[in-house]
Amino acid sequence: MKSGKMLLAVAGMLVTMTATATVAQSSPAKPQTTASDAVPAVRSKVVPDKFKRRVVRFSTTETPGTIIVDTNNKFLYYVEGPNQATRYGIGVGREGYGWSGVVNIGRKEEWPTWTPPAEMRARERLAGHILPAVQKGGADNPLGARAMYLYKGGRDTIFRIHGTNQPWSIGLNMSSGCIRMMNKDVEDLYERASVGTKVVVVGPGNKQGNVGFQDRGMDIFRTIFGG
């Protein structure tokens, strides 16, 4: 009798475990909306404080709503108004891949698909790295949580402002010309900057033309109290 009861108990446990597993497999995955929902594929090192987002006192000849990218100092500025901008730390193109110019945001995408150019795949293959032809958006995607595609004269430049799954790379020259930001920062900028936004990239060759700007450091009052 005892052995019979034990067999029934074990059978009942197996049925329960099977049912639980079936429910777990059939439950739909939670859709990703922000970087906080994702587990990064690469554990980050500490990002230096100077590259963390902050409001700064900022003078420029550019109008509010303009993005200015200072590739030399690894900062991106979103001009808020007279004497004010939000400053973000960025990663930029490695040696030989830096650029400058005036472009616009041509389109925007959340959790973008990465389609590395053929020349990039060929170059990386020679270095022993096999890149996918297409990689869907997600936590392990190099473009991160958001991408803003930079256009010139209505044509895609192939450069982007995008997030990254390697936040430790902020402040470094590592990209193939794109401007990378921490995911939380690119999400913030994505909400502020609309399609058509002017982007001035100050970098090698001075193709951005004459643009004046000066970062006067953190605006303590606005950083603490907002406004």
Foldseek 3Di string as FASTA:
>chain_A
DVVVVVVVVVVVVVVVVVVVVVCVVPDDDDDDDAPVVADQPDDEDDDDPVQAKAKFFKAWPDAQQAWEAEQVQQWIWHRHHHRITIIHFKEFAAPPQEDWAKWFQADKDFLAKDQDDPVVQVVVVVVVDHDDRIGGGGNHDQQAGMWGFTHDPNHTPVEIEGEGSHQNNGRYNDDNGHIYGHRVVVVVVVVRHDGGHMYGYCDPPRNHPDIDMDTPGGPVVCRVPND
